[in-house]
Amino acid sequence: AAFAAARALGLEHVETDAHATADGVAVALHDERLDRTTDATGLVAA
């Protein structure tokens, strides 16, 4: 939703960080943990 909102404003570029889950899925997330920005907890890599 945030990336689409940037596009709706007319921006052509967005920035994201990427982590990998324990089973090798790349996710767009800044923190290495879920705790700050989501309703879940834990280390993404684990």
ModelCIF file with pLDDT and N, C-alpha, C, O atoms, coordinates in Angstrom:
data_MODEL
#
_entry.id   MODEL 
#
_entity.id                         1 
_entity.type                       polymer 
_entity.pdbx_number_of_molecules   1 
#
_entity_poly.entity_id                      1 
_entity_poly.type                           'polypeptide(L)' 
_entity_poly.nstd_linkage                   no 
_entity_poly.nstd_monomer                   no 
_entity_poly.pdbx_seq_one_letter_code       AAFAAARALGLEHVETDAHATADGVAVALHDERLDRTTDATGLVAA 
_entity_poly.pdbx_seq_one_letter_code_can   AAFAAARALGLEHVETDAHATADGVAVALHDERLDRTTDATGLVAA 
_entity_poly.pdbx_strand_id                 A 
#
loop_
_entity_poly_seq.entity_id 
_entity_poly_seq.num 
_entity_poly_seq.mon_id 
_entity_poly_seq.hetero 
1 1  ALA n 
1 2  ALA n 
1 3  PHE n 
1 4  ALA n 
1 5  ALA n 
1 6  ALA n 
1 7  ARG n 
1 8  ALA n 
1 9  LEU n 
1 10 GLY n 
1 11 LEU n 
1 12 GLU n 
1 13 HIS n 
1 14 VAL n 
1 15 GLU n 
1 16 THR n 
1 17 ASP n 
1 18 ALA n 
1 19 HIS n 
1 20 ALA n 
1 21 THR n 
1 22 ALA n 
1 23 ASP n 
1 24 GLY n 
1 25 VAL n 
1 26 ALA n 
1 27 VAL n 
1 28 ALA n 
1 29 LEU n 
1 30 HIS n 
1 31 ASP n 
1 32 GLU n 
1 33 ARG n 
1 34 LEU n 
1 35 ASP n 
1 36 ARG n 
1 37 THR n 
1 38 THR n 
1 39 ASP n 
1 40 ALA n 
1 41 THR n 
1 42 GLY n 
1 43 LEU n 
1 44 VAL n 
1 45 ALA n 
1 46 ALA n 
#
_struct_asym.id          A 
_struct_asym.entity_id   1 
#
loop_
_ma_qa_metric.id 
_ma_qa_metric.mode 
_ma_qa_metric.name 
_ma_qa_metric.software_group_id 
_ma_qa_metric.type 
1 global pLDDT . pLDDT 
2 local  pLDDT . pLDDT 
#
_ma_qa_metric_global.metric_id      1 
_ma_qa_metric_global.metric_value   97.57 
_ma_qa_metric_global.model_id       1 
_ma_qa_metric_global.ordinal_id     1 
#
loop_
_ma_qa_metric_local.label_asym_id 
_ma_qa_metric_local.label_comp_id 
_ma_qa_metric_local.label_seq_id 
_ma_qa_metric_local.metric_id 
_ma_qa_metric_local.metric_value 
_ma_qa_metric_local.model_id 
_ma_qa_metric_local.ordinal_id 
A ALA 1  2 98.00 1 1  
A ALA 2  2 98.00 1 2  
A PHE 3  2 98.00 1 3  
A ALA 4  2 98.00 1 4  
A ALA 5  2 98.00 1 5  
A ALA 6  2 98.00 1 6  
A ARG 7  2 97.00 1 7  
A ALA 8  2 97.00 1 8  
A LEU 9  2 97.00 1 9  
A GLY 10 2 97.00 1 10 
A LEU 11 2 97.00 1 11 
A GLU 12 2 97.00 1 12 
A HIS 13 2 98.00 1 13 
A VAL 14 2 98.00 1 14 
A GLU 15 2 98.00 1 15 
A THR 16 2 98.00 1 16 
A ASP 17 2 98.00 1 17 
A ALA 18 2 98.00 1 18 
A HIS 19 2 98.00 1 19 
A ALA 20 2 98.00 1 20 
A THR 21 2 98.00 1 21 
A ALA 22 2 98.00 1 22 
A ASP 23 2 98.00 1 23 
A GLY 24 2 98.00 1 24 
A VAL 25 2 98.00 1 25 
A ALA 26 2 98.00 1 26 
A VAL 27 2 98.00 1 27 
A ALA 28 2 98.00 1 28 
A LEU 29 2 97.00 1 29 
A HIS 30 2 96.00 1 30 
A ASP 31 2 97.00 1 31 
A GLU 32 2 97.00 1 32 
A ARG 33 2 98.00 1 33 
A LEU 34 2 98.00 1 34 
A ASP 35 2 97.00 1 35 
A ARG 36 2 96.00 1 36 
A THR 37 2 96.00 1 37 
A THR 38 2 97.00 1 38 
A ASP 39 2 97.00 1 39 
A ALA 40 2 97.00 1 40 
A THR 41 2 97.00 1 41 
A GLY 42 2 98.00 1 42 
A LEU 43 2 98.00 1 43 
A VAL 44 2 98.00 1 44 
A ALA 45 2 98.00 1 45 
A ALA 46 2 98.00 1 46 
#
loop_
_atom_site.group_PDB 
_atom_site.id 
_atom_site.type_symbol 
_atom_site.label_atom_id 
_atom_site.label_alt_id 
_atom_site.label_comp_id 
_atom_site.label_asym_id 
_atom_site.label_entity_id 
_atom_site.label_seq_id 
_atom_site.pdbx_PDB_ins_code 
_atom_site.Cartn_x 
_atom_site.Cartn_y 
_atom_site.Cartn_z 
_atom_site.occupancy 
_atom_site.B_iso_or_equiv 
_atom_site.pdbx_formal_charge 
_atom_site.auth_seq_id 
_atom_site.auth_comp_id 
_atom_site.auth_asym_id 
_atom_site.auth_atom_id 
_atom_site.pdbx_PDB_model_num 
ATOM 1   N N  . ALA A 1 1  ? 0.829  -1.205  0.000   1.00 98.00 ? 1  ALA A N  1 
ATOM 2   C CA . ALA A 1 1  ? 0.000  0.000   0.000   1.00 98.00 ? 1  ALA A CA 1 
ATOM 3   C C  . ALA A 1 1  ? 0.863  1.255   0.000   1.00 98.00 ? 1  ALA A C  1 
ATOM 4   O O  . ALA A 1 1  ? 0.538  2.229   -0.680  1.00 98.00 ? 1  ALA A O  1 
ATOM 5   N N  . ALA A 1 2  ? 1.959  1.244   0.754   1.00 98.00 ? 2  ALA A N  1 
ATOM 6   C CA . ALA A 1 2  ? 2.845  2.410   0.808   1.00 98.00 ? 2  ALA A CA 1 
ATOM 7   C C  . ALA A 1 2  ? 3.567  2.615   -0.514  1.00 98.00 ? 2  ALA A C  1 
ATOM 8   O O  . ALA A 1 2  ? 3.728  3.750   -0.963  1.00 98.00 ? 2  ALA A O  1 
ATOM 9   N N  . PHE A 1 3  ? 4.002  1.526   -1.142  1.00 98.00 ? 3  PHE A N  1 
ATOM 10  C CA . PHE A 1 3  ? 4.661  1.659   -2.434  1.00 98.00 ? 3  PHE A CA 1 
ATOM 11  C C  . PHE A 1 3  ? 3.675  2.139   -3.502  1.00 98.00 ? 3  PHE A C  1 
ATOM 12  O O  . PHE A 1 3  ? 4.022  2.964   -4.347  1.00 98.00 ? 3  PHE A O  1 
ATOM 13  N N  . ALA A 1 4  ? 2.455  1.624   -3.459  1.00 98.00 ? 4  ALA A N  1 
ATOM 14  C CA . ALA A 1 4  ? 1.433  2.069   -4.413  1.00 98.00 ? 4  ALA A CA 1 
ATOM 15  C C  . ALA A 1 4  ? 1.060  3.528   -4.183  1.00 98.00 ? 4  ALA A C  1 
ATOM 16  O O  . ALA A 1 4  ? 0.771  4.256   -5.133  1.00 98.00 ? 4  ALA A O  1 
ATOM 17  N N  . ALA A 1 5  ? 1.067  3.958   -2.916  1.00 98.00 ? 5  ALA A N  1 
ATOM 18  C CA . ALA A 1 5  ? 0.751  5.356   -2.612  1.00 98.00 ? 5  ALA A CA 1 
ATOM 19  C C  . ALA A 1 5  ? 1.808  6.293   -3.192  1.00 98.00 ? 5  ALA A C  1 
ATOM 20  O O  . ALA A 1 5  ? 1.481  7.372   -3.684  1.00 98.00 ? 5  ALA A O  1 
ATOM 21  N N  . ALA A 1 6  ? 3.072  5.883   -3.135  1.00 98.00 ? 6  ALA A N  1 
ATOM 22  C CA . ALA A 1 6  ? 4.135  6.683   -3.744  1.00 98.00 ? 6  ALA A CA 1 
ATOM 23  C C  . ALA A 1 6  ? 3.922  6.795   -5.251  1.00 98.00 ? 6  ALA A C  1 
ATOM 24  O O  . ALA A 1 6  ? 4.097  7.862   -5.840  1.00 98.00 ? 6  ALA A O  1 
ATOM 25  N N  . ARG A 1 7  ? 3.544  5.682   -5.859  1.00 97.00 ? 7  ARG A N  1 
ATOM 26  C CA . ARG A 1 7  ? 3.298  5.701   -7.302  1.00 97.00 ? 7  ARG A CA 1 
ATOM 27  C C  . ARG A 1 7  ? 2.105  6.592   -7.626  1.00 97.00 ? 7  ARG A C  1 
ATOM 28  O O  . ARG A 1 7  ? 2.114  7.295   -8.637  1.00 97.00 ? 7  ARG A O  1 
ATOM 29  N N  . ALA A 1 8  ? 1.083  6.568   -6.781  1.00 97.00 ? 8  ALA A N  1 
ATOM 30  C CA . ALA A 1 8  ? -0.101 7.387   -7.016  1.00 97.00 ? 8  ALA A CA 1 
ATOM 31  C C  . ALA A 1 8  ? 0.226  8.876   -6.940  1.00 97.00 ? 8  ALA A C  1 
ATOM 32  O O  . ALA A 1 8  ? -0.438 9.693   -7.579  1.00 97.00 ? 8  ALA A O  1 
ATOM 33  N N  . LEU A 1 9  ? 1.243  9.228   -6.164  1.00 97.00 ? 9  LEU A N  1 
ATOM 34  C CA . LEU A 1 9  ? 1.681  10.623  -6.091  1.00 97.00 ? 9  LEU A CA 1 
ATOM 35  C C  . LEU A 1 9  ? 2.427  11.055  -7.356  1.00 97.00 ? 9  LEU A C  1 
ATOM 36  O O  . LEU A 1 9  ? 2.644  12.246  -7.582  1.00 97.00 ? 9  LEU A O  1 
ATOM 37  N N  . GLY A 1 10 ? 2.811  10.086  -8.168  1.00 97.00 ? 10 GLY A N  1 
ATOM 38  C CA . GLY A 1 10 ? 3.552  10.388  -9.387  1.00 97.00 ? 10 GLY A CA 1 
ATOM 39  C C  . GLY A 1 10 ? 5.029  10.080  -9.300  1.00 97.00 ? 10 GLY A C  1 
ATOM 40  O O  . GLY A 1 10 ? 5.777  10.380  -10.231 1.00 97.00 ? 10 GLY A O  1 
ATOM 41  N N  . LEU A 1 11 ? 5.475  9.475   -8.180  1.00 97.00 ? 11 LEU A N  1 
ATOM 42  C CA . LEU A 1 11 ? 6.883  9.126   -8.065  1.00 97.00 ? 11 LEU A CA 1 
ATOM 43  C C  . LEU A 1 11 ? 7.189  7.905   -8.929  1.00 97.00 ? 11 LEU A C  1 
ATOM 44  O O  . LEU A 1 11 ? 6.342  7.033   -9.127  1.00 97.00 ? 11 LEU A O  1 
ATOM 45  N N  . GLU A 1 12 ? 8.395  7.866   -9.429  1.00 97.00 ? 12 GLU A N  1 
ATOM 46  C CA . GLU A 1 12 ? 8.855  6.740   -10.235 1.00 97.00 ? 12 GLU A CA 1 
ATOM 47  C C  . GLU A 1 12 ? 9.759  5.799   -9.455  1.00 97.00 ? 12 GLU A C  1 
ATOM 48  O O  . GLU A 1 12 ? 9.989  4.669   -9.884  1.00 97.00 ? 12 GLU A O  1 
ATOM 49  N N  . HIS A 1 13 ? 10.273 6.247   -8.317  1.00 98.00 ? 13 HIS A N  1 
ATOM 50  C CA . HIS A 1 13 ? 11.257 5.483   -7.553  1.00 98.00 ? 13 HIS A CA 1 
ATOM 51  C C  . HIS A 1 13 ? 10.826 5.332   -6.098  1.00 98.00 ? 13 HIS A C  1 
ATOM 52  O O  . HIS A 1 13 ? 10.293 6.260   -5.491  1.00 98.00 ? 13 HIS A O  1 
ATOM 53  N N  . VAL A 1 14 ? 11.069 4.147   -5.558  1.00 98.00 ? 14 VAL A N  1 
ATOM 54  C CA . VAL A 1 14 ? 10.895 3.909   -4.123  1.00 98.00 ? 14 VAL A CA 1 
ATOM 55  C C  . VAL A 1 14 ? 12.150 3.228   -3.600  1.00 98.00 ? 14 VAL A C  1 
ATOM 56  O O  . VAL A 1 14 ? 12.954 2.687   -4.360  1.00 98.00 ? 14 VAL A O  1 
ATOM 57  N N  . GLU A 1 15 ? 12.293 3.271   -2.281  1.00 98.00 ? 15 GLU A N  1 
ATOM 58  C CA . GLU A 1 15 ? 13.423 2.622   -1.617  1.00 98.00 ? 15 GLU A CA 1 
ATOM 59  C C  . GLU A 1 15 ? 12.907 1.582   -0.649  1.00 98.00 ? 15 GLU A C  1 
ATOM 60  O O  . GLU A 1 15 ? 11.906 1.800   0.033   1.00 98.00 ? 15 GLU A O  1 
ATOM 61  N N  . THR A 1 16 ? 13.586 0.455   -0.589  1.00 98.00 ? 16 THR A N  1 
ATOM 62  C CA . THR A 1 16 ? 13.256 -0.548  0.412   1.00 98.00 ? 16 THR A CA 1 
ATOM 63  C C  . THR A 1 16 ? 14.511 -1.303  0.825   1.00 98.00 ? 16 THR A C  1 
ATOM 64  O O  . THR A 1 16 ? 15.510 -1.318  0.106   1.00 98.00 ? 16 THR A O  1 
ATOM 65  N N  . ASP A 1 17 ? 14.443 -1.925  1.988   1.00 98.00 ? 17 ASP A N  1 
ATOM 66  C CA . ASP A 1 17 ? 15.473 -2.853  2.424   1.00 98.00 ? 17 ASP A CA 1 
ATOM 67  C C  . ASP A 1 17 ? 14.958 -4.255  2.196   1.00 98.00 ? 17 ASP A C  1 
ATOM 68  O O  . ASP A 1 17 ? 13.751 -4.468  2.086   1.00 98.00 ? 17 ASP A O  1 
ATOM 69  N N  . ALA A 1 18 ? 15.858 -5.207  2.125   1.00 98.00 ? 18 ALA A N  1 
ATOM 70  C CA . ALA A 1 18 ? 15.448 -6.592  1.891   1.00 98.00 ? 18 ALA A CA 1 
ATOM 71  C C  . ALA A 1 18 ? 16.144 -7.531  2.865   1.00 98.00 ? 18 ALA A C  1 
ATOM 72  O O  . ALA A 1 18 ? 17.367 -7.510  3.005   1.00 98.00 ? 18 ALA A O  1 
ATOM 73  N N  . HIS A 1 19 ? 15.344 -8.353  3.533   1.00 98.00 ? 19 HIS A N  1 
ATOM 74  C CA . HIS A 1 19 ? 15.830 -9.441  4.377   1.00 98.00 ? 19 HIS A CA 1 
ATOM 75  C C  . HIS A 1 19 ? 15.343 -10.751 3.782   1.00 98.00 ? 19 HIS A C  1 
ATOM 76  O O  . HIS A 1 19 ? 14.495 -10.760 2.890   1.00 98.00 ? 19 HIS A O  1 
ATOM 77  N N  . ALA A 1 20 ? 15.879 -11.849 4.276   1.00 98.00 ? 20 ALA A N  1 
ATOM 78  C CA . ALA A 1 20 ? 15.435 -13.164 3.832   1.00 98.00 ? 20 ALA A CA 1 
ATOM 79  C C  . ALA A 1 20 ? 14.893 -13.958 5.004   1.00 98.00 ? 20 ALA A C  1 
ATOM 80  O O  . ALA A 1 20 ? 15.446 -13.920 6.104   1.00 98.00 ? 20 ALA A O  1 
ATOM 81  N N  . THR A 1 21 ? 13.808 -14.679 4.761   1.00 98.00 ? 21 THR A N  1 
ATOM 82  C CA . THR A 1 21 ? 13.249 -15.563 5.779   1.00 98.00 ? 21 THR A CA 1 
ATOM 83  C C  . THR A 1 21 ? 14.124 -16.812 5.899   1.00 98.00 ? 21 THR A C  1 
ATOM 84  O O  . THR A 1 21 ? 15.048 -17.017 5.113   1.00 98.00 ? 21 THR A O  1 
ATOM 85  N N  . ALA A 1 22 ? 13.816 -17.637 6.892   1.00 98.00 ? 22 ALA A N  1 
ATOM 86  C CA . ALA A 1 22 ? 14.610 -18.841 7.125   1.00 98.00 ? 22 ALA A CA 1 
ATOM 87  C C  . ALA A 1 22 ? 14.566 -19.803 5.952   1.00 98.00 ? 22 ALA A C  1 
ATOM 88  O O  . ALA A 1 22 ? 15.499 -20.578 5.742   1.00 98.00 ? 22 ALA A O  1 
ATOM 89  N N  . ASP A 1 23 ? 13.471 -19.753 5.179   1.00 98.00 ? 23 ASP A N  1 
ATOM 90  C CA . ASP A 1 23 ? 13.365 -20.637 4.018   1.00 98.00 ? 23 ASP A CA 1 
ATOM 91  C C  . ASP A 1 23 ? 13.638 -19.913 2.697   1.00 98.00 ? 23 ASP A C  1 
ATOM 92  O O  . ASP A 1 23 ? 13.216 -20.369 1.634   1.00 98.00 ? 23 ASP A O  1 
ATOM 93  N N  . GLY A 1 24 ? 14.344 -18.785 2.772   1.00 98.00 ? 24 GLY A N  1 
ATOM 94  C CA . GLY A 1 24 ? 14.879 -18.164 1.567   1.00 98.00 ? 24 GLY A CA 1 
ATOM 95  C C  . GLY A 1 24 ? 13.939 -17.320 0.748   1.00 98.00 ? 24 GLY A C  1 
ATOM 96  O O  . GLY A 1 24 ? 14.052 -17.285 -0.477  1.00 98.00 ? 24 GLY A O  1 
ATOM 97  N N  . VAL A 1 25 ? 13.002 -16.628 1.400   1.00 98.00 ? 25 VAL A N  1 
ATOM 98  C CA . VAL A 1 25 ? 12.111 -15.711 0.695   1.00 98.00 ? 25 VAL A CA 1 
ATOM 99  C C  . VAL A 1 25 ? 12.552 -14.274 0.996   1.00 98.00 ? 25 VAL A C  1 
ATOM 100 O O  . VAL A 1 25 ? 12.659 -13.888 2.161   1.00 98.00 ? 25 VAL A O  1 
ATOM 101 N N  . ALA A 1 26 ? 12.806 -13.488 -0.045  1.00 98.00 ? 26 ALA A N  1 
ATOM 102 C CA . ALA A 1 26 ? 13.194 -12.084 0.137   1.00 98.00 ? 26 ALA A CA 1 
ATOM 103 C C  . ALA A 1 26 ? 11.965 -11.255 0.465   1.00 98.00 ? 26 ALA A C  1 
ATOM 104 O O  . ALA A 1 26 ? 10.974 -11.295 -0.264  1.00 98.00 ? 26 ALA A O  1 
ATOM 105 N N  . VAL A 1 27 ? 12.024 -10.500 1.561   1.00 98.00 ? 27 VAL A N  1 
ATOM 106 C CA . VAL A 1 27 ? 10.908 -9.651  1.964   1.00 98.00 ? 27 VAL A CA 1 
ATOM 107 C C  . VAL A 1 27 ? 11.359 -8.200  2.009   1.00 98.00 ? 27 VAL A C  1 
ATOM 108 O O  . VAL A 1 27 ? 12.515 -7.902  2.309   1.00 98.00 ? 27 VAL A O  1 
ATOM 109 N N  . ALA A 1 28 ? 10.427 -7.305  1.707   1.00 98.00 ? 28 ALA A N  1 
ATOM 110 C CA . ALA A 1 28 ? 10.689 -5.872  1.755   1.00 98.00 ? 28 ALA A CA 1 
ATOM 111 C C  . ALA A 1 28 ? 10.408 -5.389  3.170   1.00 98.00 ? 28 ALA A C  1 
ATOM 112 O O  . ALA A 1 28 ? 9.252  -5.200  3.551   1.00 98.00 ? 28 ALA A O  1 
ATOM 113 N N  . LEU A 1 29 ? 11.453 -5.193  3.938   1.00 97.00 ? 29 LEU A N  1 
ATOM 114 C CA . LEU A 1 29 ? 11.314 -4.830  5.340   1.00 97.00 ? 29 LEU A CA 1 
ATOM 115 C C  . LEU A 1 29 ? 12.609 -4.193  5.791   1.00 97.00 ? 29 LEU A C  1 
ATOM 116 O O  . LEU A 1 29 ? 13.691 -4.668  5.445   1.00 97.00 ? 29 LEU A O  1 
ATOM 117 N N  . HIS A 1 30 ? 12.508 -3.111  6.569   1.00 96.00 ? 30 HIS A N  1 
ATOM 118 C CA . HIS A 1 30 ? 13.719 -2.439  7.020   1.00 96.00 ? 30 HIS A CA 1 
ATOM 119 C C  . HIS A 1 30 ? 14.404 -3.179  8.155   1.00 96.00 ? 30 HIS A C  1 
ATOM 120 O O  . HIS A 1 30 ? 15.597 -3.470  8.074   1.00 96.00 ? 30 HIS A O  1 
ATOM 121 N N  . ASP A 1 31 ? 13.666 -3.485  9.211   1.00 97.00 ? 31 ASP A N  1 
ATOM 122 C CA . ASP A 1 31 ? 14.262 -4.061  10.410  1.00 97.00 ? 31 ASP A CA 1 
ATOM 123 C C  . ASP A 1 31 ? 14.544 -5.546  10.222  1.00 97.00 ? 31 ASP A C  1 
ATOM 124 O O  . ASP A 1 31 ? 13.891 -6.221  9.426   1.00 97.00 ? 31 ASP A O  1 
ATOM 125 N N  . GLU A 1 32 ? 15.515 -6.037  10.959  1.00 97.00 ? 32 GLU A N  1 
ATOM 126 C CA . GLU A 1 32 ? 15.770 -7.478  10.927  1.00 97.00 ? 32 GLU A CA 1 
ATOM 127 C C  . GLU A 1 32 ? 14.740 -8.254  11.739  1.00 97.00 ? 32 GLU A C  1 
ATOM 128 O O  . GLU A 1 32 ? 14.627 -9.473  11.607  1.00 97.00 ? 32 GLU A O  1 
ATOM 129 N N  . ARG A 1 33 ? 13.993 -7.545  12.577  1.00 98.00 ? 33 ARG A N  1 
ATOM 130 C CA . ARG A 1 33 ? 12.941 -8.152  13.386  1.00 98.00 ? 33 ARG A CA 1 
ATOM 131 C C  . ARG A 1 33 ? 11.575 -7.599  12.975  1.00 98.00 ? 33 ARG A C  1 
ATOM 132 O O  . ARG A 1 33 ? 11.482 -6.523  12.383  1.00 98.00 ? 33 ARG A O  1 
ATOM 133 N N  . LEU A 1 34 ? 10.536 -8.336  13.290  1.00 98.00 ? 34 LEU A N  1 
ATOM 134 C CA . LEU A 1 34 ? 9.171  -7.905  12.999  1.00 98.00 ? 34 LEU A CA 1 
ATOM 135 C C  . LEU A 1 34 ? 8.612  -6.955  14.052  1.00 98.00 ? 34 LEU A C  1 
ATOM 136 O O  . LEU A 1 34 ? 7.587  -6.315  13.822  1.00 98.00 ? 34 LEU A O  1 
ATOM 137 N N  . ASP A 1 35 ? 9.265  -6.857  15.189  1.00 97.00 ? 35 ASP A N  1 
ATOM 138 C CA . ASP A 1 35 ? 8.677  -6.256  16.386  1.00 97.00 ? 35 ASP A CA 1 
ATOM 139 C C  . ASP A 1 35 ? 8.220  -4.811  16.222  1.00 97.00 ? 35 ASP A C  1 
ATOM 140 O O  . ASP A 1 35 ? 7.123  -4.468  16.664  1.00 97.00 ? 35 ASP A O  1 
ATOM 141 N N  . ARG A 1 36 ? 9.026  -3.957  15.602  1.00 96.00 ? 36 ARG A N  1 
ATOM 142 C CA . ARG A 1 36 ? 8.734  -2.518  15.588  1.00 96.00 ? 36 ARG A CA 1 
ATOM 143 C C  . ARG A 1 36 ? 7.571  -2.164  14.674  1.00 96.00 ? 36 ARG A C  1 
ATOM 144 O O  . ARG A 1 36 ? 6.718  -1.358  15.046  1.00 96.00 ? 36 ARG A O  1 
ATOM 145 N N  . THR A 1 37 ? 7.525  -2.748  13.497  1.00 96.00 ? 37 THR A N  1 
ATOM 146 C CA . THR A 1 37 ? 6.567  -2.276  12.488  1.00 96.00 ? 37 THR A CA 1 
ATOM 147 C C  . THR A 1 37 ? 5.355  -3.183  12.311  1.00 96.00 ? 37 THR A C  1 
ATOM 148 O O  . THR A 1 37 ? 4.407  -2.808  11.620  1.00 96.00 ? 37 THR A O  1 
ATOM 149 N N  . THR A 1 38 ? 5.363  -4.376  12.923  1.00 97.00 ? 38 THR A N  1 
ATOM 150 C CA . THR A 1 38 ? 4.236  -5.283  12.728  1.00 97.00 ? 38 THR A CA 1 
ATOM 151 C C  . THR A 1 38 ? 3.641  -5.715  14.065  1.00 97.00 ? 38 THR A C  1 
ATOM 152 O O  . THR A 1 38 ? 4.150  -5.378  15.133  1.00 97.00 ? 38 THR A O  1 
ATOM 153 N N  . ASP A 1 39 ? 2.557  -6.465  13.974  1.00 97.00 ? 39 ASP A N  1 
ATOM 154 C CA . ASP A 1 39 ? 1.921  -6.981  15.180  1.00 97.00 ? 39 ASP A CA 1 
ATOM 155 C C  . ASP A 1 39 ? 2.502  -8.325  15.615  1.00 97.00 ? 39 ASP A C  1 
ATOM 156 O O  . ASP A 1 39 ? 1.966  -8.975  16.513  1.00 97.00 ? 39 ASP A O  1 
ATOM 157 N N  . ALA A 1 40 ? 3.589  -8.736  14.984  1.00 97.00 ? 40 ALA A N  1 
ATOM 158 C CA . ALA A 1 40 ? 4.252  -9.994  15.319  1.00 97.00 ? 40 ALA A CA 1 
ATOM 159 C C  . ALA A 1 40 ? 5.634  -9.706  15.913  1.00 97.00 ? 40 ALA A C  1 
ATOM 160 O O  . ALA A 1 40 ? 6.069  -8.556  15.968  1.00 97.00 ? 40 ALA A O  1 
ATOM 161 N N  . THR A 1 41 ? 6.300  -10.744 16.348  1.00 97.00 ? 41 THR A N  1 
ATOM 162 C CA . THR A 1 41 ? 7.639  -10.609 16.910  1.00 97.00 ? 41 THR A CA 1 
ATOM 163 C C  . THR A 1 41 ? 8.553  -11.661 16.294  1.00 97.00 ? 41 THR A C  1 
ATOM 164 O O  . THR A 1 41 ? 8.094  -12.659 15.738  1.00 97.00 ? 41 THR A O  1 
ATOM 165 N N  . GLY A 1 42 ? 9.847  -11.418 16.406  1.00 98.00 ? 42 GLY A N  1 
ATOM 166 C CA . GLY A 1 42 ? 10.815 -12.414 15.976  1.00 98.00 ? 42 GLY A CA 1 
ATOM 167 C C  . GLY A 1 42 ? 11.751 -11.931 14.894  1.00 98.00 ? 42 GLY A C  1 
ATOM 168 O O  . GLY A 1 42 ? 11.475 -10.970 14.176  1.00 98.00 ? 42 GLY A O  1 
ATOM 169 N N  . LEU A 1 43 ? 12.869 -12.629 14.799  1.00 98.00 ? 43 LEU A N  1 
ATOM 170 C CA . LEU A 1 43 ? 13.890 -12.346 13.801  1.00 98.00 ? 43 LEU A CA 1 
ATOM 171 C C  . LEU A 1 43 ? 13.454 -12.938 12.465  1.00 98.00 ? 43 LEU A C  1 
ATOM 172 O O  . LEU A 1 43 ? 13.168 -14.132 12.374  1.00 98.00 ? 43 LEU A O  1 
ATOM 173 N N  . VAL A 1 44 ? 13.406 -12.105 11.435  1.00 98.00 ? 44 VAL A N  1 
ATOM 174 C CA . VAL A 1 44 ? 12.938 -12.569 10.126  1.00 98.00 ? 44 VAL A CA 1 
ATOM 175 C C  . VAL A 1 44 ? 13.758 -13.765 9.645   1.00 98.00 ? 44 VAL A C  1 
ATOM 176 O O  . VAL A 1 44 ? 13.206 -14.736 9.128   1.00 98.00 ? 44 VAL A O  1 
ATOM 177 N N  . ALA A 1 45 ? 15.068 -13.688 9.817   1.00 98.00 ? 45 ALA A N  1 
ATOM 178 C CA . ALA A 1 45 ? 15.944 -14.749 9.327   1.00 98.00 ? 45 ALA A CA 1 
ATOM 179 C C  . ALA A 1 45 ? 15.721 -16.080 10.037  1.00 98.00 ? 45 ALA A C  1 
ATOM 180 O O  . ALA A 1 45 ? 16.145 -17.124 9.542   1.00 98.00 ? 45 ALA A O  1 
ATOM 181 N N  . ALA A 1 46 ? 15.065 -16.051 11.186  1.00 98.00 ? 46 ALA A N  1 
ATOM 182 C CA . ALA A 1 46 ? 14.822 -17.275 11.944  1.00 98.00 ? 46 ALA A CA 1 
ATOM 183 C C  . ALA A 1 46 ? 13.417 -17.831 11.731  1.00 98.00 ? 46 ALA A C  1 
ATOM 184 O O  . ALA A 1 46 ? 13.067 -18.861 12.306  1.00 98.00 ? 46 ALA A O  1 
#
